[in-house]
N, C-alpha and C. Protein backbone atom coordinates (compact mmCIF):
# COMPACT_ATOMS: atom_id res chain seq x y z
N UNK A 1 123.13 58.72 97.72
CA UNK A 1 123.99 59.44 97.58
C UNK A 1 123.88 60.44 96.03
N UNK A 2 123.70 61.96 96.01
CA UNK A 2 123.37 62.60 95.00
C UNK A 2 124.38 62.78 94.36
N UNK A 3 124.39 63.16 92.94
CA UNK A 3 125.25 63.67 91.76
C UNK A 3 126.37 64.82 92.33
N UNK A 4 125.93 65.64 93.32
CA UNK A 4 126.57 66.70 93.95
C UNK A 4 127.64 66.55 95.28
N UNK A 5 127.69 64.99 95.55
CA UNK A 5 128.75 64.37 96.58
C UNK A 5 129.52 63.62 95.83
N UNK A 6 130.54 63.65 95.99
CA UNK A 6 131.56 62.62 95.60
C UNK A 6 131.98 61.43 96.23
N UNK A 7 132.03 60.30 95.90
CA UNK A 7 132.03 59.05 96.34
C UNK A 7 133.88 59.23 96.52
N UNK A 8 134.19 58.79 97.82
CA UNK A 8 135.49 58.40 98.26
C UNK A 8 136.35 57.54 97.65
N UNK A 9 135.59 56.78 96.53
CA UNK A 9 136.21 55.54 96.46
C UNK A 9 136.41 56.22 95.17
N UNK A 10 136.01 57.42 94.16
CA UNK A 10 136.57 57.71 93.21
C UNK A 10 137.30 58.71 92.86
N UNK A 11 137.90 58.75 92.09
CA UNK A 11 139.48 59.40 91.56
C UNK A 11 138.89 61.10 91.39
N UNK A 12 139.38 61.91 91.94
CA UNK A 12 138.93 63.23 91.56
C UNK A 12 139.34 63.96 90.27
N UNK A 13 138.12 64.41 90.30
CA UNK A 13 138.44 64.74 88.66
C UNK A 13 138.18 66.85 88.66
N UNK A 14 138.80 67.11 89.29
CA UNK A 14 138.64 69.00 89.33
C UNK A 14 138.34 69.87 87.86
N UNK A 15 137.63 70.14 87.37
CA UNK A 15 138.22 71.48 86.35
C UNK A 15 139.10 72.17 86.32
N UNK A 16 139.62 72.36 85.33
CA UNK A 16 141.31 72.66 84.99
C UNK A 16 141.04 74.09 85.68
N UNK A 17 141.74 74.69 86.56
CA UNK A 17 142.25 76.39 86.74
C UNK A 17 141.55 76.73 85.71
N UNK A 18 140.78 77.73 86.26
CA UNK A 18 140.63 79.58 85.12
C UNK A 18 141.68 80.14 85.39
N UNK A 19 142.61 80.30 86.27
CA UNK A 19 143.82 81.27 86.22
C UNK A 19 145.03 80.37 86.75
N UNK A 20 146.13 80.32 85.85
CA UNK A 20 147.18 79.72 86.02
C UNK A 20 147.69 80.49 87.31
N UNK A 21 147.89 81.15 87.52
CA UNK A 21 148.07 82.16 89.64
C UNK A 21 147.30 82.79 89.61
N UNK A 22 146.73 83.20 91.13
CA UNK A 22 146.19 84.03 91.45
C UNK A 22 146.99 84.51 92.46
N UNK A 23 147.02 86.01 92.60
CA UNK A 23 147.48 87.09 93.67
C UNK A 23 146.34 87.50 94.29
N UNK A 24 146.63 87.48 95.63
CA UNK A 24 146.27 88.52 96.67
C UNK A 24 147.20 89.30 97.26
N UNK A 25 146.65 90.42 97.02
CA UNK A 25 147.55 91.78 97.99
C UNK A 25 146.70 91.87 99.07
N UNK A 26 147.28 92.15 99.93
CA UNK A 26 146.58 92.84 101.38
C UNK A 26 146.10 94.18 101.14
N UNK A 27 144.76 94.76 100.92
CA UNK A 27 144.63 95.81 101.08
C UNK A 27 143.74 96.70 102.20
N UNK A 28 143.91 95.68 103.53
CA UNK A 28 143.38 96.02 104.45
C UNK A 28 143.65 97.45 104.94
N UNK A 29 142.72 98.23 105.99
CA UNK A 29 143.28 99.58 106.26
C UNK A 29 142.77 99.80 107.82
N UNK A 30 143.42 99.42 108.77
CA UNK A 30 142.93 99.66 110.09
C UNK A 30 143.11 101.30 110.22
N UNK A 31 142.55 101.75 111.59
CA UNK A 31 143.04 103.25 111.91
C UNK A 31 144.37 103.69 112.00
N UNK A 32 144.90 104.61 111.52
CA UNK A 32 146.18 105.28 112.28
C UNK A 32 146.60 104.82 113.87
N UNK A 33 147.76 104.41 114.02
CA UNK A 33 148.36 104.11 115.36
C UNK A 33 147.93 102.81 115.77
N UNK A 34 147.37 101.66 114.88
CA UNK A 34 146.74 100.56 115.51
C UNK A 34 148.15 99.93 115.87
N UNK A 35 148.21 99.23 116.64
CA UNK A 35 149.05 98.25 117.01
C UNK A 35 149.96 97.37 115.81
N UNK A 36 149.47 96.35 115.04
CA UNK A 36 149.58 96.04 114.12
C UNK A 36 150.09 96.45 112.85
N UNK A 37 149.32 97.92 112.76
CA UNK A 37 149.74 98.50 111.79
C UNK A 37 148.75 97.80 110.06
N UNK A 38 148.51 98.55 109.14
CA UNK A 38 147.98 97.64 108.18
C UNK A 38 148.81 97.72 106.75
N UNK A 39 148.43 96.91 106.12
CA UNK A 39 149.29 96.99 104.89
C UNK A 39 148.66 98.14 104.02
N UNK A 40 147.18 98.48 103.92
CA UNK A 40 147.23 99.91 102.93
C UNK A 40 148.15 100.81 103.71
N UNK A 41 147.91 100.68 104.56
CA UNK A 41 149.12 101.92 105.44
C UNK A 41 150.53 101.93 105.07
N UNK A 42 150.58 101.19 104.48
CA UNK A 42 152.58 100.47 104.04
C UNK A 42 152.19 100.83 102.89
N UNK A 43 151.41 101.07 102.02
CA UNK A 43 151.06 101.27 100.59
C UNK A 43 150.53 100.62 99.44
N UNK A 44 150.34 99.27 100.21
CA UNK A 44 149.83 98.18 99.44
C UNK A 44 148.93 98.59 98.28
N UNK A 45 148.12 99.70 98.78
CA UNK A 45 147.01 99.89 97.45
C UNK A 45 147.60 100.14 96.03
N UNK A 46 148.79 101.09 96.36
CA UNK A 46 149.82 101.66 95.07
C UNK A 46 150.04 100.54 94.54
N UNK A 47 150.72 99.66 95.02
CA UNK A 47 151.89 98.42 94.54
C UNK A 47 150.84 97.42 94.18
N UNK A 48 149.38 97.47 94.53
CA UNK A 48 148.45 96.32 93.92
C UNK A 48 148.16 96.78 92.47
N UNK A 49 148.15 98.38 92.41
CA UNK A 49 147.22 99.26 91.02
C UNK A 49 148.45 99.15 90.35
N UNK A 50 150.10 99.03 90.74
CA UNK A 50 151.33 99.04 89.82
C UNK A 50 151.61 97.75 89.21
N UNK A 51 151.02 96.81 90.53
CA UNK A 51 151.39 95.42 89.27
C UNK A 51 150.53 94.89 88.63
N UNK A 52 148.90 95.44 88.84
CA UNK A 52 148.00 95.17 87.89
C UNK A 52 148.52 95.09 86.83
N UNK A 53 148.89 96.93 86.28
CA UNK A 53 149.53 97.22 85.05
C UNK A 53 150.86 96.62 84.74
N UNK A 54 151.30 96.35 85.70
CA UNK A 54 152.92 95.87 84.70
C UNK A 54 152.72 94.76 84.43
N UNK A 55 151.93 93.76 85.28
CA UNK A 55 151.54 92.51 84.76
C UNK A 55 151.07 92.30 82.82
N UNK A 56 150.15 93.49 83.16
CA UNK A 56 149.62 93.55 81.77
C UNK A 56 150.56 94.16 80.90
N UNK A 57 151.58 94.78 80.76
CA UNK A 57 152.26 95.36 80.27
C UNK A 57 153.72 94.66 79.70
N UNK A 58 153.87 93.33 80.73
CA UNK A 58 154.68 92.52 80.29
C UNK A 58 154.00 91.66 79.22
N UNK A 59 152.64 91.20 79.48
CA UNK A 59 152.10 90.20 78.78
C UNK A 59 151.72 89.03 79.56
N UNK A 60 151.82 89.46 81.00
CA UNK A 60 151.26 87.88 81.82
C UNK A 60 149.87 87.83 81.80
N UNK A 61 149.85 86.06 81.46
CA UNK A 61 148.67 85.78 81.18
C UNK A 61 148.26 84.77 82.02
N UNK A 62 146.60 84.61 82.06
CA UNK A 62 146.45 83.71 82.97
C UNK A 62 146.80 83.68 84.40
N UNK A 63 146.71 84.84 84.53
CA UNK A 63 147.07 85.21 86.09
C UNK A 63 146.19 86.39 86.41
N UNK A 64 145.43 86.27 87.94
CA UNK A 64 144.89 87.31 88.35
C UNK A 64 145.41 87.83 89.37
N UNK A 65 145.75 89.05 89.83
CA UNK A 65 145.74 90.27 90.49
C UNK A 65 144.32 90.53 91.30
N UNK A 66 144.47 90.27 92.32
CA UNK A 66 143.25 91.02 93.08
C UNK A 66 143.79 91.54 94.26
N UNK A 67 142.77 92.50 94.87
CA UNK A 67 142.86 93.25 96.27
C UNK A 67 142.56 91.90 97.58
N UNK A 68 143.03 91.91 98.60
CA UNK A 68 142.44 91.03 99.61
C UNK A 68 142.11 92.00 100.69
N UNK A 69 141.32 91.27 101.56
CA UNK A 69 140.84 92.05 102.74
C UNK A 69 142.55 91.61 104.06
N UNK A 70 142.21 91.28 105.05
CA UNK A 70 143.44 91.44 105.89
C UNK A 70 143.65 89.52 105.87
N UNK A 71 145.22 89.62 105.93
CA UNK A 71 145.41 88.35 105.36
C UNK A 71 146.69 87.79 106.69
N UNK A 72 146.31 88.67 107.51
CA UNK A 72 146.95 88.33 109.23
C UNK A 72 148.63 88.05 109.30
N UNK A 73 149.27 89.32 108.13
CA UNK A 73 150.72 89.29 108.19
C UNK A 73 151.04 90.49 108.15
N UNK A 74 150.27 91.52 109.00
CA UNK A 74 149.99 92.70 109.04
C UNK A 74 151.41 93.42 109.78
N UNK A 75 152.25 92.73 110.29
CA UNK A 75 153.28 93.12 110.75
C UNK A 75 154.25 93.57 109.72
N UNK A 76 154.17 92.37 108.57
CA UNK A 76 155.19 92.22 108.02
C UNK A 76 154.55 92.97 106.63
N UNK A 77 153.64 93.43 106.17
CA UNK A 77 153.13 93.76 105.40
C UNK A 77 154.51 95.26 104.53
N UNK A 78 153.56 95.59 103.36
CA UNK A 78 152.36 95.03 102.65
C UNK A 78 152.89 93.79 102.49
N UNK A 79 151.71 92.78 102.23
CA UNK A 79 151.66 91.15 102.38
C UNK A 79 151.10 90.89 101.03
N UNK A 80 150.99 89.77 100.29
CA UNK A 80 150.78 89.32 99.40
C UNK A 80 151.00 87.82 99.28
N UNK A 81 150.13 87.10 98.72
CA UNK A 81 150.35 85.73 98.07
C UNK A 81 149.99 85.23 96.89
N UNK A 82 151.10 84.61 96.43
CA UNK A 82 150.22 83.43 95.19
C UNK A 82 150.33 82.32 95.02
N UNK A 83 148.86 82.38 94.96
CA UNK A 83 148.13 80.71 94.80
C UNK A 83 148.55 80.09 93.46
N UNK A 84 148.79 78.77 93.06
CA UNK A 84 148.53 77.44 93.93
C UNK A 84 149.23 77.51 94.92
N UNK A 85 150.58 78.11 94.50
CA UNK A 85 151.75 77.50 95.44
C UNK A 85 151.78 78.05 96.78
N UNK A 86 151.05 79.14 97.25
CA UNK A 86 151.08 79.58 98.34
C UNK A 86 152.16 79.99 98.70
N UNK A 87 152.83 81.06 98.20
CA UNK A 87 154.32 81.72 98.22
C UNK A 87 153.42 82.85 98.73
N UNK A 88 154.33 83.35 99.83
CA UNK A 88 153.95 84.76 100.22
C UNK A 88 155.40 85.75 100.09
N UNK A 89 154.96 87.26 99.89
CA UNK A 89 156.04 88.03 99.88
C UNK A 89 155.36 89.27 100.13
N UNK A 90 156.42 89.82 100.68
CA UNK A 90 156.31 91.63 101.23
C UNK A 90 157.46 92.62 100.43
N UNK A 91 156.50 93.14 99.63
CA UNK A 91 156.97 93.98 98.07
C UNK A 91 156.90 95.09 99.08
N UNK A 92 158.05 96.59 99.09
CA UNK A 92 157.83 97.71 99.24
C UNK A 92 158.25 98.72 98.55
N UNK A 93 158.35 98.44 97.43
CA UNK A 93 158.79 98.79 96.40
C UNK A 93 158.14 98.91 94.76
N UNK A 94 157.95 99.39 93.57
CA UNK A 94 157.99 99.07 92.59
C UNK A 94 159.10 97.86 91.85
N UNK A 95 160.02 98.20 92.48
CA UNK A 95 161.53 97.69 92.06
C UNK A 95 161.24 96.07 92.71
N UNK A 96 160.51 95.81 93.56
CA UNK A 96 160.07 94.45 94.48
C UNK A 96 159.13 93.67 93.67
N UNK A 97 158.31 94.86 93.63
CA UNK A 97 156.73 94.20 92.46
C UNK A 97 157.37 93.37 90.96
N UNK A 98 158.24 94.51 90.14
CA UNK A 98 158.83 93.84 89.51
C UNK A 98 159.70 92.88 89.52
N UNK A 99 160.26 92.68 90.28
CA UNK A 99 161.02 91.32 91.06
C UNK A 99 159.81 89.66 91.05
N UNK A 100 158.96 90.05 92.02
CA UNK A 100 158.08 89.43 91.97
C UNK A 100 157.95 88.63 90.62
N UNK A 101 157.18 89.78 90.02
CA UNK A 101 156.41 89.25 88.70
C UNK A 101 157.62 88.54 87.70
N UNK A 102 158.68 89.21 87.94
CA UNK A 102 159.70 88.52 86.61
C UNK A 102 160.19 87.21 87.45
N UNK A 103 160.25 86.68 88.42
CA UNK A 103 160.99 85.52 89.01
C UNK A 103 159.85 84.51 89.11
N UNK A 104 158.57 85.17 89.67
CA UNK A 104 157.64 84.19 90.33
C UNK A 104 156.74 83.95 88.67
N UNK A 105 156.23 85.05 88.23
CA UNK A 105 154.96 84.70 87.09
C UNK A 105 155.37 84.48 86.01
N UNK A 106 156.90 85.07 85.51
CA UNK A 106 157.10 85.01 84.28
C UNK A 106 158.65 83.93 83.94
N UNK A 107 159.03 83.79 85.10
CA UNK A 107 160.08 82.65 84.86
C UNK A 107 159.90 81.15 85.69
N UNK A 108 158.79 81.54 86.79
CA UNK A 108 158.27 80.35 87.16
C UNK A 108 159.23 80.46 88.56
N UNK A 109 159.91 81.00 88.96
CA UNK A 109 161.02 80.57 90.15
C UNK A 109 160.60 81.26 91.39
N UNK A 110 161.08 81.84 92.51
CA UNK A 110 160.84 82.52 93.45
C UNK A 110 161.93 83.74 93.11
N UNK A 111 161.27 85.07 94.03
CA UNK A 111 162.19 86.68 94.12
C UNK A 111 162.38 85.71 95.96
N UNK A 112 162.99 85.37 96.11
CA UNK A 112 163.24 84.73 97.64
C UNK A 112 163.65 85.84 98.59
N UNK A 113 164.03 86.60 97.83
CA UNK A 113 164.85 87.98 99.02
C UNK A 113 163.49 88.97 99.29
N UNK A 114 162.80 88.36 98.71
CA UNK A 114 161.43 89.15 99.25
C UNK A 114 160.20 88.25 99.70
N UNK A 115 160.50 87.02 100.18
CA UNK A 115 159.64 85.87 100.69
C UNK A 115 159.40 85.97 102.20
N UNK A 116 158.25 85.98 102.32
CA UNK A 116 157.86 85.56 103.85
C UNK A 116 157.85 84.24 104.15
N UNK A 117 158.66 83.74 105.37
CA UNK A 117 158.81 82.36 105.34
C UNK A 117 158.31 82.21 106.93
N UNK A 118 158.63 80.54 107.05
CA UNK A 118 157.91 80.25 108.18
C UNK A 118 158.78 81.12 109.40
N UNK A 119 159.67 81.45 109.10
CA UNK A 119 160.68 82.69 110.14
C UNK A 119 159.55 83.41 110.69
N UNK A 120 158.91 84.32 109.47
CA UNK A 120 158.11 85.59 109.67
C UNK A 120 156.92 84.75 110.26
N UNK A 121 157.07 85.07 111.74
CA UNK A 121 156.11 84.60 112.45
C UNK A 121 156.02 85.49 113.53
N UNK A 122 155.12 86.03 114.42
CA UNK A 122 155.39 86.81 115.76
C UNK A 122 155.30 85.97 116.82
N UNK A 123 155.97 86.44 117.92
CA UNK A 123 156.01 85.40 119.11
C UNK A 123 155.31 85.22 119.56
N UNK A 124 154.86 84.23 120.41
CA UNK A 124 153.54 83.88 121.03
C UNK A 124 153.33 84.68 122.04
N UNK A 125 151.85 85.51 122.46
CA UNK A 125 151.92 86.10 123.45
C UNK A 125 151.91 84.98 124.90
N UNK A 126 152.29 85.63 126.04
CA UNK A 126 152.42 84.91 127.37
C UNK A 126 151.85 84.95 128.11
């Protein structure tokens, strides 16, 4: 076994996370009229830019806010997900972004009224 492989019997010792939280904002753009729509067509790029600037203004540290390609929640977009928790949100306005920043990244809680949950899935195609 090489040093690069972990022994299954050894305790896992990952390095400390570089960021406390990582926000991925879907900025995928599909052609106009696409049946699923797209987050960029619903304003996600502007919301991402606002979120980055507002987080900096608020002094939110150890958090990275990034653009992502399609996160496959198109119909509920704009969509974003925050890791390591894996919590999904659908902000529509700057006020929604403010609520997410304050509740989730400043206070460590959740902006429940903006969360996508297990109920937010498309019906199976028959």
